[in-house]
C-alpha atoms as a PDB file:
ATOM      1  CA  UNK A   1      -0.002  -0.093   0.004  1.00  0.00           C
ATOM      2  CA  UNK A   2       1.331   3.322  -0.963  1.00  0.00           C
ATOM      3  CA  UNK A   3       1.323   6.353   1.006  1.00  0.00           C
ATOM      4  CA  UNK A   4      -0.036   9.724  -0.684  1.00  0.00           C
ATOM      5  CA  UNK A   5       1.765  12.647   0.092  1.00  0.00           C
ATOM      6  CA  UNK A   6       1.006  16.356  -0.199  1.00  0.00           C
ATOM      7  CA  UNK A   7       3.145  18.644  -0.135  1.00  0.00           C
ATOM      8  CA  UNK A   8       1.352  21.630  -1.341  1.00  0.00           C
ATOM      9  CA  UNK A   9       1.839  23.470   1.808  1.00  0.00           C
ATOM     10  CA  UNK A  10       5.712  22.554   2.117  1.00  0.00           C
ATOM     11  CA  UNK A  11       8.494  24.575   1.041  1.00  0.00           C
ATOM     12  CA  UNK A  12      12.097  23.336   0.305  1.00  0.00           C
ATOM     13  CA  UNK A  13      15.510  25.261   0.352  1.00  0.00           C
ATOM     14  CA  UNK A  14      18.146  23.307  -2.173  1.00  0.00           C
ATOM     15  CA  UNK A  15      21.674  24.409  -1.627  1.00  0.00           C
ATOM     16  CA  UNK A  16      24.076  22.655  -3.833  1.00  0.00           C
ATOM     17  CA  UNK A  17      26.997  23.721  -5.674  1.00  0.00           C
ATOM     18  CA  UNK A  18      26.578  21.558  -8.406  1.00  0.00           C
ATOM     19  CA  UNK A  19      24.083  22.651 -11.223  1.00  0.00           C
ATOM     20  CA  UNK A  20      23.507  19.875 -12.319  1.00  0.00           C
ATOM     21  CA  UNK A  21      22.442  17.960  -9.175  1.00  0.00           C
ATOM     22  CA  UNK A  22      21.072  20.989  -7.804  1.00  0.00           C
ATOM     23  CA  UNK A  23      18.551  21.151 -10.805  1.00  0.00           C
ATOM     24  CA  UNK A  24      17.882  17.115 -10.458  1.00  0.00           C
ATOM     25  CA  UNK A  25      16.841  17.545  -7.025  1.00  0.00           C
ATOM     26  CA  UNK A  26      14.373  20.645  -8.110  1.00  0.00           C
ATOM     27  CA  UNK A  27      13.052  18.544 -10.764  1.00  0.00           C
ATOM     28  CA  UNK A  28      12.492  15.231  -8.983  1.00  0.00           C
ATOM     29  CA  UNK A  29      11.025  17.623  -6.172  1.00  0.00           C
ATOM     30  CA  UNK A  30       8.864  19.400  -8.398  1.00  0.00           C
ATOM     31  CA  UNK A  31       6.631  16.233  -8.888  1.00  0.00           C
ATOM     32  CA  UNK A  32       5.327  16.198  -5.394  1.00  0.00           C
ATOM     33  CA  UNK A  33       3.985  20.012  -6.032  1.00  0.00           C
ATOM     34  CA  UNK A  34       5.371  21.935  -3.325  1.00  0.00           C
ATOM     35  CA  UNK A  35       4.270  25.116  -2.158  1.00  0.00           C
ATOM     36  CA  UNK A  36       7.680  26.626  -3.003  1.00  0.00           C
ATOM     37  CA  UNK A  37      11.187  25.620  -4.237  1.00  0.00           C
ATOM     38  CA  UNK A  38      13.934  27.943  -3.455  1.00  0.00           C
ATOM     39  CA  UNK A  39      17.416  27.176  -4.653  1.00  0.00           C
ATOM     40  CA  UNK A  40      21.076  28.207  -4.055  1.00  0.00           C
ATOM     41  CA  UNK A  41      24.600  27.303  -5.124  1.00  0.00           C
ATOM     42  CA  UNK A  42      26.844  29.076  -2.595  1.00  0.00           C
ATOM     43  CA  UNK A  43      26.687  27.545   1.265  1.00  0.00           C
ATOM     44  CA  UNK A  44      27.518  31.166   2.541  1.00  0.00           C
ATOM     45  CA  UNK A  45      24.794  32.866   0.577  1.00  0.00           C
ATOM     46  CA  UNK A  46      22.507  30.250   1.774  1.00  0.00           C
ATOM     47  CA  UNK A  47      23.314  30.926   5.323  1.00  0.00           C
ATOM     48  CA  UNK A  48      22.142  34.772   5.154  1.00  0.00           C
ATOM     49  CA  UNK A  49      19.109  33.546   2.830  1.00  0.00           C
ATOM     50  CA  UNK A  50      17.804  30.675   5.249  1.00  0.00           C
ATOM     51  CA  UNK A  51      16.113  32.732   8.003  1.00  0.00           C
ATOM     52  CA  UNK A  52      14.226  34.938   5.182  1.00  0.00           C
ATOM     53  CA  UNK A  53      13.349  31.861   3.458  1.00  0.00           C
ATOM     54  CA  UNK A  54      12.319  29.667   6.633  1.00  0.00           C
ATOM     55  CA  UNK A  55      11.751  26.553   4.975  1.00  0.00           C
ATOM     56  CA  UNK A  56      10.359  23.100   5.810  1.00  0.00           C
ATOM     57  CA  UNK A  57      12.692  21.132   4.551  1.00  0.00           C
ATOM     58  CA  UNK A  58      16.511  21.560   3.246  1.00  0.00           C
ATOM     59  CA  UNK A  59      18.320  19.657   0.782  1.00  0.00           C
ATOM     60  CA  UNK A  60      22.082  20.227   0.667  1.00  0.00           C
ATOM     61  CA  UNK A  61      24.904  19.143  -1.141  1.00  0.00           C
ATOM     62  CA  UNK A  62      27.702  17.489   1.390  1.00  0.00           C
ATOM     63  CA  UNK A  63      31.046  16.915   0.892  1.00  0.00           C
ATOM     64  CA  UNK A  64      33.995  16.662   4.118  1.00  0.00           C
ATOM     65  CA  UNK A  65      35.608  19.508   4.411  1.00  0.00           C
ATOM     66  CA  UNK A  66      33.725  22.237   2.427  1.00  0.00           C
ATOM     67  CA  UNK A  67      31.790  25.357   3.488  1.00  0.00           C
ATOM     68  CA  UNK A  68      28.650  22.701   3.467  1.00  0.00           C
ATOM     69  CA  UNK A  69      29.782  22.299   7.247  1.00  0.00           C
ATOM     70  CA  UNK A  70      29.729  25.880   8.109  1.00  0.00           C
ATOM     71  CA  UNK A  71      25.965  25.480   6.524  1.00  0.00           C
ATOM     72  CA  UNK A  72      24.838  22.827   8.763  1.00  0.00           C
ATOM     73  CA  UNK A  73      26.213  24.132  12.000  1.00  0.00           C
ATOM     74  CA  UNK A  74      24.453  27.779  11.271  1.00  0.00           C
ATOM     75  CA  UNK A  75      21.183  25.581  11.080  1.00  0.00           C
ATOM     76  CA  UNK A  76      22.010  23.194  13.830  1.00  0.00           C
ATOM     77  CA  UNK A  77      23.236  26.072  16.051  1.00  0.00           C
ATOM     78  CA  UNK A  78      20.891  28.905  15.220  1.00  0.00           C
ATOM     79  CA  UNK A  79      19.243  30.719  18.440  1.00  0.00           C
ATOM     80  CA  UNK A  80      16.216  30.484  16.460  1.00  0.00           C
ATOM     81  CA  UNK A  81      14.614  27.469  17.550  1.00  0.00           C
ATOM     82  CA  UNK A  82      12.513  26.549  14.187  1.00  0.00           C
ATOM     83  CA  UNK A  83      15.349  27.052  12.225  1.00  0.00           C
ATOM     84  CA  UNK A  84      17.447  24.894  14.120  1.00  0.00           C
ATOM     85  CA  UNK A  85      15.166  21.852  14.369  1.00  0.00           C
ATOM     86  CA  UNK A  86      14.726  22.250  10.214  1.00  0.00           C
ATOM     87  CA  UNK A  87      14.964  18.852   8.997  1.00  0.00           C
ATOM     88  CA  UNK A  88      18.151  18.318   6.646  1.00  0.00           C
ATOM     89  CA  UNK A  89      18.246  16.182   3.720  1.00  0.00           C
ATOM     90  CA  UNK A  90      22.139  15.487   2.893  1.00  0.00           C
ATOM     91  CA  UNK A  91      22.616  14.749  -0.701  1.00  0.00           C
ATOM     92  CA  UNK A  92      26.089  13.723  -1.379  1.00  0.00           C
ATOM     93  CA  UNK A  93      28.349  11.051  -3.705  1.00  0.00           C
ATOM     94  CA  UNK A  94      29.886  10.052  -0.190  1.00  0.00           C
ATOM     95  CA  UNK A  95      28.436   7.083   0.429  1.00  0.00           C
ATOM     96  CA  UNK A  96      31.232   4.951   3.042  1.00  0.00           C
ATOM     97  CA  UNK A  97      29.558   4.784   6.756  1.00  0.00           C
ATOM     98  CA  UNK A  98      32.013   7.105   8.210  1.00  0.00           C
ATOM     99  CA  UNK A  99      30.817   9.946   5.985  1.00  0.00           C
ATOM    100  CA  UNK A 100      27.118   9.183   6.810  1.00  0.00           C
ATOM    101  CA  UNK A 101      28.108   9.209  10.369  1.00  0.00           C
ATOM    102  CA  UNK A 102      29.765  12.476  10.102  1.00  0.00           C
ATOM    103  CA  UNK A 103      26.758  13.798   8.557  1.00  0.00           C
ATOM    104  CA  UNK A 104      24.512  12.923  11.356  1.00  0.00           C
ATOM    105  CA  UNK A 105      26.954  14.079  13.842  1.00  0.00           C
ATOM    106  CA  UNK A 106      26.483  17.609  11.860  1.00  0.00           C
ATOM    107  CA  UNK A 107      22.650  17.115  12.394  1.00  0.00           C
ATOM    108  CA  UNK A 108      21.627  15.449   9.056  1.00  0.00           C
ATOM    109  CA  UNK A 109      18.264  14.164   9.781  1.00  0.00           C
ATOM    110  CA  UNK A 110      18.471  11.989   6.626  1.00  0.00           C
ATOM    111  CA  UNK A 111      21.459  10.936   3.678  1.00  0.00           C
ATOM    112  CA  UNK A 112      20.577  10.128  -0.113  1.00  0.00           C
ATOM    113  CA  UNK A 113      23.554   9.273  -1.740  1.00  0.00           C
ATOM    114  CA  UNK A 114      23.841   9.999  -6.111  1.00  0.00           C
ATOM    115  CA  UNK A 115      22.909   9.084  -8.307  1.00  0.00           C
ATOM    116  CA  UNK A 116      19.252   9.884  -7.296  1.00  0.00           C
ATOM    117  CA  UNK A 117      15.933   8.870  -7.989  1.00  0.00           C
ATOM    118  CA  UNK A 118      12.113   9.894  -7.227  1.00  0.00           C
ATOM    119  CA  UNK A 119      11.775   6.423  -5.503  1.00  0.00           C
ATOM    120  CA  UNK A 120      14.578   7.366  -2.659  1.00  0.00           C
ATOM    121  CA  UNK A 121      12.754  10.726  -1.455  1.00  0.00           C
ATOM    122  CA  UNK A 122       9.773   9.363  -0.321  1.00  0.00           C
ATOM    123  CA  UNK A 123      11.690   7.362   2.910  1.00  0.00           C
ATOM    124  CA  UNK A 124      13.348  10.544   3.085  1.00  0.00           C
ATOM    125  CA  UNK A 125      10.474  12.546   4.290  1.00  0.00           C
ATOM    126  CA  UNK A 126       9.367   9.927   7.091  1.00  0.00           C
ATOM    127  CA  UNK A 127      11.892  12.720   9.321  1.00  0.00           C
ATOM    128  CA  UNK A 128      10.812  12.261  12.798  1.00  0.00           C
END
């Protein structure tokens, strides 16, 4: 039995440096007909934009030793409680256990590995 999801009230913020991956995630999320999808290619700019956007869910590219770590820390340690608890779904090609653990330790709620498919998104939305 499949579960029907309604995203008509949900806004997403996609933060990804790679234009191909950013477009792919945007197109996959568009299939769920969300209220709004915001995108940003620069992690530092994303940190400044997040409080104004106030997204419901953030999809962010993650690679070790990059500015993505600053983004995740800025979200998780934000004095704004609703922002600090915003679900973050990491999108990455780093699938080794050590990287999954590192992402979790930075506050990721879910972890999607490339290449992506629409089937990966539905379980990721079961964020508790």
